[in-house]
């Protein structure tokens, strides 16, 4: 499978180096994020007390590329909110408050694909054509990995899990960048994803 040398970034934020759970008593960023999430997603997600999950909050310490090593780090806040749950997929929305206190939703760049099959059962893939990028507001079966500094997602196309798509978006050079994407497009009862792009190599 071809690897496509393309990447996309979203939400302008300086280069990040560390992510930890908040340890201080200040819950004002989380309260602001809850209020904004309820306003933005009330028509699409389970918000407020109706949500079955508490939001996740990560405090991000980072430095601008131009900052000296002895300068104090900046701080931003990442929030994950439950949206919907299906038979085998769960969706979440993400908000981020940057070092200036500006809070907004994240959107995620994903490859736009034209998948062609050799058979009507879609068990054998003939070709996967990369046609550009699109953005999504929510990720499926996702979480934030503090060690890797990535938000990763894995969407099942059906309950068996043999067809799926997965992506990883890394904090890099001032924003979140799509660094890996793979697709298992064959409905063949086997887990055999193909890497479409990988900038970790």
C-alpha atoms as a PDB file:
ATOM      1  CA  UNK A   1       0.000   0.000   0.000  1.00  0.00           C
ATOM      2  CA  UNK A   2       1.271   3.435  -0.881  1.00  0.00           C
ATOM      3  CA  UNK A   3       2.186   5.813   1.894  1.00  0.00           C
ATOM      4  CA  UNK A   4       1.012   9.306   1.198  1.00  0.00           C
ATOM      5  CA  UNK A   5       3.359  12.090   2.217  1.00  0.00           C
ATOM      6  CA  UNK A   6       0.804  14.502   3.546  1.00  0.00           C
ATOM      7  CA  UNK A   7      -0.167  15.880   6.937  1.00  0.00           C
ATOM      8  CA  UNK A   8      -2.568  18.378   8.367  1.00  0.00           C
ATOM      9  CA  UNK A   9      -2.748  20.422  11.553  1.00  0.00           C
ATOM     10  CA  UNK A  10      -5.575  21.889  13.562  1.00  0.00           C
ATOM     11  CA  UNK A  11      -6.121  24.386  16.394  1.00  0.00           C
ATOM     12  CA  UNK A  12      -3.182  26.750  16.676  1.00  0.00           C
ATOM     13  CA  UNK A  13      -1.154  25.957  19.778  1.00  0.00           C
ATOM     14  CA  UNK A  14       2.577  26.200  20.546  1.00  0.00           C
ATOM     15  CA  UNK A  15       4.738  23.101  20.515  1.00  0.00           C
ATOM     16  CA  UNK A  16       3.870  20.932  23.522  1.00  0.00           C
ATOM     17  CA  UNK A  17       6.259  18.847  25.560  1.00  0.00           C
ATOM     18  CA  UNK A  18       4.453  17.468  28.610  1.00  0.00           C
ATOM     19  CA  UNK A  19       0.945  16.460  29.624  1.00  0.00           C
ATOM     20  CA  UNK A  20      -0.231  15.606  33.120  1.00  0.00           C
ATOM     21  CA  UNK A  21      -3.472  15.438  35.044  1.00  0.00           C
ATOM     22  CA  UNK A  22      -4.278  18.678  36.881  1.00  0.00           C
ATOM     23  CA  UNK A  23      -3.250  18.659  40.512  1.00  0.00           C
ATOM     24  CA  UNK A  24      -4.294  22.124  41.689  1.00  0.00           C
ATOM     25  CA  UNK A  25      -7.621  23.195  43.188  1.00  0.00           C
ATOM     26  CA  UNK A  26      -8.465  25.614  40.346  1.00  0.00           C
ATOM     27  CA  UNK A  27     -11.401  24.090  38.442  1.00  0.00           C
ATOM     28  CA  UNK A  28     -12.308  27.264  36.543  1.00  0.00           C
ATOM     29  CA  UNK A  29     -10.931  26.039  33.180  1.00  0.00           C
ATOM     30  CA  UNK A  30     -13.035  22.891  33.448  1.00  0.00           C
ATOM     31  CA  UNK A  31     -16.156  24.830  34.370  1.00  0.00           C
ATOM     32  CA  UNK A  32     -15.660  27.148  31.385  1.00  0.00           C
ATOM     33  CA  UNK A  33     -15.155  24.128  29.140  1.00  0.00           C
ATOM     34  CA  UNK A  34     -18.335  22.467  30.431  1.00  0.00           C
ATOM     35  CA  UNK A  35     -20.351  25.595  29.747  1.00  0.00           C
ATOM     36  CA  UNK A  36     -18.998  25.951  26.207  1.00  0.00           C
ATOM     37  CA  UNK A  37     -19.488  22.262  25.430  1.00  0.00           C
ATOM     38  CA  UNK A  38     -23.110  22.446  26.567  1.00  0.00           C
ATOM     39  CA  UNK A  39     -23.717  25.438  24.298  1.00  0.00           C
ATOM     40  CA  UNK A  40     -21.961  24.023  21.230  1.00  0.00           C
ATOM     41  CA  UNK A  41     -23.065  20.395  21.358  1.00  0.00           C
ATOM     42  CA  UNK A  42     -26.461  20.366  23.066  1.00  0.00           C
ATOM     43  CA  UNK A  43     -28.184  19.276  19.841  1.00  0.00           C
ATOM     44  CA  UNK A  44     -25.718  16.459  19.082  1.00  0.00           C
ATOM     45  CA  UNK A  45     -24.413  15.098  22.386  1.00  0.00           C
ATOM     46  CA  UNK A  46     -25.525  14.105  25.848  1.00  0.00           C
ATOM     47  CA  UNK A  47     -24.572  17.179  27.827  1.00  0.00           C
ATOM     48  CA  UNK A  48     -24.660  18.256  31.464  1.00  0.00           C
ATOM     49  CA  UNK A  49     -26.116  15.753  33.921  1.00  0.00           C
ATOM     50  CA  UNK A  50     -27.342  13.568  31.036  1.00  0.00           C
ATOM     51  CA  UNK A  51     -23.772  12.549  30.167  1.00  0.00           C
ATOM     52  CA  UNK A  52     -22.770   9.080  31.448  1.00  0.00           C
ATOM     53  CA  UNK A  53     -19.074  10.104  31.639  1.00  0.00           C
ATOM     54  CA  UNK A  54     -17.257  12.853  33.459  1.00  0.00           C
ATOM     55  CA  UNK A  55     -15.134  15.046  31.196  1.00  0.00           C
ATOM     56  CA  UNK A  56     -11.392  14.434  31.144  1.00  0.00           C
ATOM     57  CA  UNK A  57      -9.045  17.332  31.804  1.00  0.00           C
ATOM     58  CA  UNK A  58      -5.319  17.391  31.016  1.00  0.00           C
ATOM     59  CA  UNK A  59      -3.006  20.262  31.852  1.00  0.00           C
ATOM     60  CA  UNK A  60      -0.396  20.749  29.123  1.00  0.00           C
ATOM     61  CA  UNK A  61       2.964  22.350  29.853  1.00  0.00           C
ATOM     62  CA  UNK A  62       4.894  23.573  26.817  1.00  0.00           C
ATOM     63  CA  UNK A  63       7.366  26.104  25.530  1.00  0.00           C
ATOM     64  CA  UNK A  64       7.402  28.078  22.319  1.00  0.00           C
ATOM     65  CA  UNK A  65      10.206  27.059  19.941  1.00  0.00           C
ATOM     66  CA  UNK A  66      11.834  30.445  20.456  1.00  0.00           C
ATOM     67  CA  UNK A  67      11.842  30.268  24.280  1.00  0.00           C
ATOM     68  CA  UNK A  68      15.110  29.736  26.132  1.00  0.00           C
ATOM     69  CA  UNK A  69      15.590  26.614  28.223  1.00  0.00           C
ATOM     70  CA  UNK A  70      15.532  28.582  31.484  1.00  0.00           C
ATOM     71  CA  UNK A  71      12.259  30.369  30.711  1.00  0.00           C
ATOM     72  CA  UNK A  72       9.124  29.142  32.546  1.00  0.00           C
ATOM     73  CA  UNK A  73       6.732  26.955  30.525  1.00  0.00           C
ATOM     74  CA  UNK A  74       3.338  28.010  29.245  1.00  0.00           C
ATOM     75  CA  UNK A  75       0.140  26.189  30.179  1.00  0.00           C
ATOM     76  CA  UNK A  76      -2.889  25.012  28.226  1.00  0.00           C
ATOM     77  CA  UNK A  77      -5.858  22.788  29.044  1.00  0.00           C
ATOM     78  CA  UNK A  78      -7.238  19.883  27.008  1.00  0.00           C
ATOM     79  CA  UNK A  79     -10.758  18.563  27.645  1.00  0.00           C
ATOM     80  CA  UNK A  80     -12.511  15.435  26.364  1.00  0.00           C
ATOM     81  CA  UNK A  81     -16.316  15.227  26.529  1.00  0.00           C
ATOM     82  CA  UNK A  82     -18.572  12.222  25.945  1.00  0.00           C
ATOM     83  CA  UNK A  83     -20.986  12.701  23.061  1.00  0.00           C
ATOM     84  CA  UNK A  84     -22.796   9.513  21.996  1.00  0.00           C
ATOM     85  CA  UNK A  85     -22.582   5.756  22.361  1.00  0.00           C
ATOM     86  CA  UNK A  86     -23.584   3.150  19.786  1.00  0.00           C
ATOM     87  CA  UNK A  87     -23.436  -0.625  19.712  1.00  0.00           C
ATOM     88  CA  UNK A  88     -19.631  -0.719  19.370  1.00  0.00           C
ATOM     89  CA  UNK A  89     -18.466   2.889  18.970  1.00  0.00           C
ATOM     90  CA  UNK A  90     -18.284   5.812  21.391  1.00  0.00           C
ATOM     91  CA  UNK A  91     -17.767   9.391  20.208  1.00  0.00           C
ATOM     92  CA  UNK A  92     -16.069  12.233  22.071  1.00  0.00           C
ATOM     93  CA  UNK A  93     -15.543  15.926  21.380  1.00  0.00           C
ATOM     94  CA  UNK A  94     -12.418  17.827  22.411  1.00  0.00           C
ATOM     95  CA  UNK A  95     -11.960  21.406  23.557  1.00  0.00           C
ATOM     96  CA  UNK A  96      -8.720  23.240  24.198  1.00  0.00           C
ATOM     97  CA  UNK A  97      -7.923  26.381  26.167  1.00  0.00           C
ATOM     98  CA  UNK A  98      -4.629  27.890  25.049  1.00  0.00           C
ATOM     99  CA  UNK A  99      -2.079  29.819  27.081  1.00  0.00           C
ATOM    100  CA  UNK A 100      -3.989  33.075  26.497  1.00  0.00           C
ATOM    101  CA  UNK A 101      -7.189  31.643  27.964  1.00  0.00           C
ATOM    102  CA  UNK A 102      -8.862  31.277  24.559  1.00  0.00           C
ATOM    103  CA  UNK A 103     -11.182  28.277  24.613  1.00  0.00           C
ATOM    104  CA  UNK A 104     -12.536  26.500  21.538  1.00  0.00           C
ATOM    105  CA  UNK A 105     -13.367  23.127  19.963  1.00  0.00           C
ATOM    106  CA  UNK A 106     -10.773  21.013  18.205  1.00  0.00           C
ATOM    107  CA  UNK A 107     -11.271  19.689  14.692  1.00  0.00           C
ATOM    108  CA  UNK A 108      -9.292  16.776  13.299  1.00  0.00           C
ATOM    109  CA  UNK A 109      -7.825  16.372   9.834  1.00  0.00           C
ATOM    110  CA  UNK A 110      -8.502  12.954   8.293  1.00  0.00           C
ATOM    111  CA  UNK A 111      -7.757  11.529   4.833  1.00  0.00           C
ATOM    112  CA  UNK A 112     -10.611  11.496   2.325  1.00  0.00           C
ATOM    113  CA  UNK A 113     -10.597   8.071   0.645  1.00  0.00           C
ATOM    114  CA  UNK A 114     -12.112   6.425  -2.398  1.00  0.00           C
ATOM    115  CA  UNK A 115     -12.191   2.682  -1.620  1.00  0.00           C
ATOM    116  CA  UNK A 116     -12.830   0.243  -4.454  1.00  0.00           C
ATOM    117  CA  UNK A 117     -13.570  -3.443  -4.056  1.00  0.00           C
ATOM    118  CA  UNK A 118     -13.126  -6.494  -6.266  1.00  0.00           C
ATOM    119  CA  UNK A 119     -16.332  -8.174  -5.079  1.00  0.00           C
ATOM    120  CA  UNK A 120     -19.861  -7.274  -3.997  1.00  0.00           C
ATOM    121  CA  UNK A 121     -19.254  -8.538  -0.448  1.00  0.00           C
ATOM    122  CA  UNK A 122     -16.402  -6.035   0.007  1.00  0.00           C
ATOM    123  CA  UNK A 123     -14.076  -8.780   1.178  1.00  0.00           C
ATOM    124  CA  UNK A 124     -11.248  -7.979  -1.277  1.00  0.00           C
ATOM    125  CA  UNK A 125      -9.965  -4.439  -1.708  1.00  0.00           C
ATOM    126  CA  UNK A 126      -8.947  -3.466  -5.213  1.00  0.00           C
ATOM    127  CA  UNK A 127      -7.591  -0.010  -4.435  1.00  0.00           C
ATOM    128  CA  UNK A 128      -7.661   2.750  -1.826  1.00  0.00           C
ATOM    129  CA  UNK A 129      -7.309   6.156  -3.422  1.00  0.00           C
ATOM    130  CA  UNK A 130      -6.299   9.188  -1.413  1.00  0.00           C
ATOM    131  CA  UNK A 131      -8.348  12.183  -2.587  1.00  0.00           C
ATOM    132  CA  UNK A 132      -7.426  14.878  -0.061  1.00  0.00           C
ATOM    133  CA  UNK A 133      -8.295  15.816   3.514  1.00  0.00           C
ATOM    134  CA  UNK A 134     -11.471  16.543   5.402  1.00  0.00           C
ATOM    135  CA  UNK A 135     -12.077  17.554   9.012  1.00  0.00           C
ATOM    136  CA  UNK A 136     -14.221  15.990  11.702  1.00  0.00           C
ATOM    137  CA  UNK A 137     -15.409  17.496  14.973  1.00  0.00           C
ATOM    138  CA  UNK A 138     -15.599  14.252  16.937  1.00  0.00           C
ATOM    139  CA  UNK A 139     -13.449  11.156  17.253  1.00  0.00           C
ATOM    140  CA  UNK A 140     -14.563   7.569  17.762  1.00  0.00           C
ATOM    141  CA  UNK A 141     -13.184   5.313  20.513  1.00  0.00           C
ATOM    142  CA  UNK A 142     -10.501   7.878  21.278  1.00  0.00           C
ATOM    143  CA  UNK A 143      -8.267   8.891  24.160  1.00  0.00           C
ATOM    144  CA  UNK A 144      -5.383  11.204  24.922  1.00  0.00           C
ATOM    145  CA  UNK A 145      -2.004   9.527  25.531  1.00  0.00           C
ATOM    146  CA  UNK A 146       0.074  11.835  27.779  1.00  0.00           C
ATOM    147  CA  UNK A 147       3.326   9.950  27.178  1.00  0.00           C
ATOM    148  CA  UNK A 148       3.101  10.018  23.392  1.00  0.00           C
ATOM    149  CA  UNK A 149       1.438  13.454  23.391  1.00  0.00           C
ATOM    150  CA  UNK A 150      -1.206  12.107  21.023  1.00  0.00           C
ATOM    151  CA  UNK A 151      -4.935  11.804  20.658  1.00  0.00           C
ATOM    152  CA  UNK A 152      -5.617   8.414  19.095  1.00  0.00           C
ATOM    153  CA  UNK A 153      -8.831   7.050  17.614  1.00  0.00           C
ATOM    154  CA  UNK A 154     -10.034   3.661  16.380  1.00  0.00           C
ATOM    155  CA  UNK A 155     -13.389   3.438  14.612  1.00  0.00           C
ATOM    156  CA  UNK A 156     -14.995   0.077  13.952  1.00  0.00           C
ATOM    157  CA  UNK A 157     -16.941  -0.052  10.716  1.00  0.00           C
ATOM    158  CA  UNK A 158     -18.938  -2.994  12.036  1.00  0.00           C
ATOM    159  CA  UNK A 159     -19.159  -4.909  15.298  1.00  0.00           C
ATOM    160  CA  UNK A 160     -16.844  -7.704  14.223  1.00  0.00           C
ATOM    161  CA  UNK A 161     -14.004  -5.206  14.071  1.00  0.00           C
ATOM    162  CA  UNK A 162     -12.509  -6.610  10.885  1.00  0.00           C
ATOM    163  CA  UNK A 163     -13.074  -3.324   9.046  1.00  0.00           C
ATOM    164  CA  UNK A 164     -11.927  -0.112  10.709  1.00  0.00           C
ATOM    165  CA  UNK A 165      -9.942   3.105  10.544  1.00  0.00           C
ATOM    166  CA  UNK A 166      -7.432   4.481  13.056  1.00  0.00           C
ATOM    167  CA  UNK A 167      -5.639   7.779  13.426  1.00  0.00           C
ATOM    168  CA  UNK A 168      -3.152   9.540  15.687  1.00  0.00           C
ATOM    169  CA  UNK A 169      -2.839  13.320  16.107  1.00  0.00           C
ATOM    170  CA  UNK A 170       0.304  14.554  17.828  1.00  0.00           C
ATOM    171  CA  UNK A 171       1.105  17.856  19.539  1.00  0.00           C
ATOM    172  CA  UNK A 172       3.801  19.205  17.276  1.00  0.00           C
ATOM    173  CA  UNK A 173       5.248  22.580  16.226  1.00  0.00           C
ATOM    174  CA  UNK A 174       2.414  24.751  17.397  1.00  0.00           C
ATOM    175  CA  UNK A 175      -0.576  22.486  16.882  1.00  0.00           C
ATOM    176  CA  UNK A 176      -2.066  19.041  16.584  1.00  0.00           C
ATOM    177  CA  UNK A 177      -0.900  17.219  13.459  1.00  0.00           C
ATOM    178  CA  UNK A 178      -2.130  14.012  11.902  1.00  0.00           C
ATOM    179  CA  UNK A 179       0.925  11.734  12.117  1.00  0.00           C
ATOM    180  CA  UNK A 180      -0.495   8.279  11.380  1.00  0.00           C
ATOM    181  CA  UNK A 181      -3.559   6.867   9.658  1.00  0.00           C
ATOM    182  CA  UNK A 182      -4.423   3.297   8.746  1.00  0.00           C
ATOM    183  CA  UNK A 183      -7.467   1.568   7.309  1.00  0.00           C
ATOM    184  CA  UNK A 184      -8.689  -2.008   7.297  1.00  0.00           C
ATOM    185  CA  UNK A 185     -11.187  -1.731   4.463  1.00  0.00           C
ATOM    186  CA  UNK A 186     -11.806  -5.447   3.835  1.00  0.00           C
ATOM    187  CA  UNK A 187     -14.866  -7.083   5.407  1.00  0.00           C
ATOM    188  CA  UNK A 188     -13.077 -10.437   5.511  1.00  0.00           C
ATOM    189  CA  UNK A 189     -13.328 -11.438   9.208  1.00  0.00           C
ATOM    190  CA  UNK A 190      -9.621 -10.663   9.635  1.00  0.00           C
ATOM    191  CA  UNK A 191      -7.842  -7.738  11.251  1.00  0.00           C
ATOM    192  CA  UNK A 192      -5.352  -6.604   8.602  1.00  0.00           C
ATOM    193  CA  UNK A 193      -5.025  -2.803   8.489  1.00  0.00           C
ATOM    194  CA  UNK A 194      -2.950  -1.003   5.864  1.00  0.00           C
ATOM    195  CA  UNK A 195      -0.925   2.082   6.751  1.00  0.00           C
ATOM    196  CA  UNK A 196      -1.840   5.019   4.518  1.00  0.00           C
ATOM    197  CA  UNK A 197       0.483   7.576   6.105  1.00  0.00           C
ATOM    198  CA  UNK A 198       3.036   7.454   8.897  1.00  0.00           C
ATOM    199  CA  UNK A 199       5.293  10.315   9.884  1.00  0.00           C
ATOM    200  CA  UNK A 200       6.769   8.497  12.851  1.00  0.00           C
ATOM    201  CA  UNK A 201       9.350   6.673  10.692  1.00  0.00           C
END
